[in-house]
Amino acid sequence: MRSLRLLSLGLVSTILLAGCGGPPDLPGPQAPSARVRHVVLFTLKDPAQAPELVATCARLGRLPGALLAAAGPRLETGRVEASGGWHVAFDVGFVDVAAYEAWRAHPEHQAVLETWKPRVAGLEVHDWTVAAP
C-alpha cells in the first residue's frame, strides 16, 4: 500500500510539473537547480475553498528561495491507482535545504499556516531531493 501511495504521489508531481501547474507568472517546472522539493496534499474542511488555497499557494511560490512552484486541484481520472480524498496539491522546489528552511521560516509562510490551519481537515507533506541526472 505504501508503494502505491508513493507511486500516486510521483504521478501527482509529474502531472503538476508537466504543465497543469500554477499561474503563468510562476517560474517554470524546468528549473534544473531545484534539487529540494516540498509537496503538500491538502484535504479541506470545505472543498469549495480550493480555488482560494490554490491562489494562496501561488503567492507562497513567489516567496524568496522558491525556484519553481505549481498548485492545483486534484484531477479526477477514475483510476483506482490514484490516491483520493485530497483537494489541492502544492509542489515547490528549492536549490538546497537552506533555501527551503528559509522559505519555511518566512513570515508570510508562517501567517498562511496560521490562517489555513483551522480550514484544513488533513494534509500529507512530502519533502524529497531530486537525484542527480
Protein backbone atom coordinates (compact mmCIF):
# COMPACT_ATOMS: atom_id res chain seq x y z
CA MET A 1 0.00 0.00 0.00
CA ARG A 2 2.87 2.37 0.85
CA SER A 3 4.44 1.82 -2.56
CA LEU A 4 1.08 2.56 -4.20
CA ARG A 5 0.85 5.86 -2.26
CA LEU A 6 4.40 6.78 -3.28
CA LEU A 7 3.61 5.91 -6.90
CA SER A 8 0.48 8.06 -6.69
CA LEU A 9 2.48 10.95 -5.22
CA GLY A 10 5.02 10.61 -8.02
CA LEU A 11 2.25 10.70 -10.59
CA VAL A 12 0.69 13.78 -8.98
CA SER A 13 4.06 15.55 -9.00
CA THR A 14 4.63 14.58 -12.62
CA ILE A 15 1.19 15.86 -13.65
CA LEU A 16 1.68 19.13 -11.78
CA LEU A 17 5.11 19.68 -13.27
CA ALA A 18 4.05 18.73 -16.79
CA GLY A 19 2.02 21.86 -17.24
CA CYS A 20 -1.03 21.61 -15.01
CA GLY A 21 0.66 23.97 -12.58
CA GLY A 22 0.09 27.39 -11.22
CA PRO A 23 -0.36 30.76 -12.84
CA PRO A 24 1.90 31.67 -15.78
CA ASP A 25 3.89 34.21 -13.77
CA LEU A 26 5.41 31.47 -11.60
CA PRO A 27 8.80 30.04 -12.57
CA GLY A 28 8.52 27.10 -14.95
CA PRO A 29 8.96 23.45 -13.97
CA GLN A 30 12.18 23.20 -15.99
CA ALA A 31 14.34 24.84 -13.31
CA PRO A 32 17.14 22.23 -13.16
CA SER A 33 18.65 23.60 -9.96
CA ALA A 34 15.55 22.86 -7.84
CA ARG A 35 17.14 19.90 -6.05
CA VAL A 36 14.93 20.02 -2.92
CA ARG A 37 11.19 19.55 -3.33
CA HIS A 38 8.29 20.14 -0.95
CA VAL A 39 4.94 18.59 -1.89
CA VAL A 40 1.79 19.07 0.16
CA LEU A 41 -1.59 17.43 -0.45
CA PHE A 42 -4.38 19.30 1.34
CA THR A 43 -7.75 17.92 2.39
CA LEU A 44 -10.03 20.85 3.13
CA LYS A 45 -12.94 21.01 5.53
CA ASP A 46 -14.81 22.94 2.81
CA PRO A 47 -13.74 21.78 -0.69
CA ALA A 48 -15.28 24.95 -2.15
CA GLN A 49 -12.27 26.83 -0.72
CA ALA A 50 -9.87 25.01 -3.07
CA PRO A 51 -9.51 27.93 -5.54
CA GLU A 52 -8.61 30.27 -2.69
CA LEU A 53 -5.97 27.83 -1.41
CA VAL A 54 -4.52 27.44 -4.92
CA ALA A 55 -4.15 31.24 -5.13
CA THR A 56 -2.54 31.28 -1.68
CA CYS A 57 -0.06 28.59 -2.76
CA ALA A 58 0.78 30.65 -5.85
CA ARG A 59 1.74 33.55 -3.57
CA LEU A 60 3.88 31.22 -1.45
CA GLY A 61 5.60 30.06 -4.64
CA ARG A 62 6.81 33.61 -5.21
CA LEU A 63 8.48 33.96 -1.80
CA PRO A 64 12.28 34.28 -1.74
CA GLY A 65 14.04 30.97 -2.22
CA ALA A 66 11.34 29.22 -4.26
CA LEU A 67 12.67 28.40 -7.73
CA LEU A 68 9.51 26.82 -9.06
CA ALA A 69 6.02 26.21 -7.83
CA ALA A 70 2.81 24.60 -9.02
CA ALA A 71 -0.55 24.26 -7.31
CA GLY A 72 -3.89 22.96 -8.39
CA PRO A 73 -6.95 20.88 -7.63
CA ARG A 74 -6.97 17.09 -7.75
CA LEU A 75 -7.57 15.68 -11.21
CA GLU A 76 -10.42 13.17 -11.22
CA THR A 77 -9.34 10.39 -13.59
CA GLY A 78 -11.30 7.46 -12.20
CA ARG A 79 -8.06 5.48 -11.84
CA VAL A 80 -8.01 3.17 -8.85
CA GLU A 81 -4.24 3.70 -8.53
CA ALA A 82 -4.63 7.43 -7.88
CA SER A 83 -4.97 8.24 -4.22
CA GLY A 84 -8.00 10.35 -3.48
CA GLY A 85 -9.52 12.36 -0.72
CA TRP A 86 -7.33 15.43 -1.01
CA HIS A 87 -8.42 18.64 -2.72
CA VAL A 88 -5.31 20.72 -3.54
CA ALA A 89 -1.71 19.79 -4.33
CA PHE A 90 1.21 22.18 -3.93
CA ASP A 91 4.72 21.44 -5.21
CA VAL A 92 7.57 23.89 -4.67
CA GLY A 93 11.28 23.48 -5.45
CA PHE A 94 14.43 24.96 -3.90
CA VAL A 95 18.12 24.99 -4.74
CA ASP A 96 19.05 23.43 -1.37
CA VAL A 97 17.85 22.66 2.15
CA ALA A 98 18.97 26.06 3.44
CA ALA A 99 16.73 27.83 0.91
CA TYR A 100 13.84 25.53 1.86
CA GLU A 101 14.32 26.20 5.58
CA ALA A 102 14.48 29.97 4.98
CA TRP A 103 11.27 29.78 2.93
CA ARG A 104 9.54 27.79 5.68
CA ALA A 105 10.56 30.41 8.26
CA HIS A 106 9.41 33.37 6.10
CA PRO A 107 6.77 35.44 7.97
CA GLU A 108 4.28 35.21 5.10
CA HIS A 109 4.56 31.40 5.05
CA GLN A 110 4.05 31.32 8.81
CA ALA A 111 1.00 33.59 8.51
CA VAL A 112 -0.50 31.34 5.82
CA LEU A 113 -0.03 28.30 8.06
CA GLU A 114 -1.92 30.00 10.87
CA THR A 115 -4.70 31.24 8.56
CA TRP A 116 -5.28 27.87 6.87
CA LYS A 117 -4.70 25.51 9.82
CA PRO A 118 -8.34 25.67 11.03
CA ARG A 119 -9.62 25.21 7.46
CA VAL A 120 -7.63 22.06 6.70
CA ALA A 121 -9.02 18.66 7.66
CA GLY A 122 -5.78 16.87 6.86
CA LEU A 123 -2.60 17.05 4.84
CA GLU A 124 0.30 14.99 3.60
CA VAL A 125 3.73 16.60 3.43
CA HIS A 126 6.46 15.03 1.32
CA ASP A 127 9.94 16.55 1.30
CA TRP A 128 12.44 14.93 -1.06
CA THR A 129 15.61 15.53 -3.03
CA VAL A 130 15.91 15.22 -6.79
CA ALA A 131 18.51 12.63 -7.78
CA ALA A 132 21.39 13.91 -9.89
CA PRO A 133 20.98 13.10 -13.59
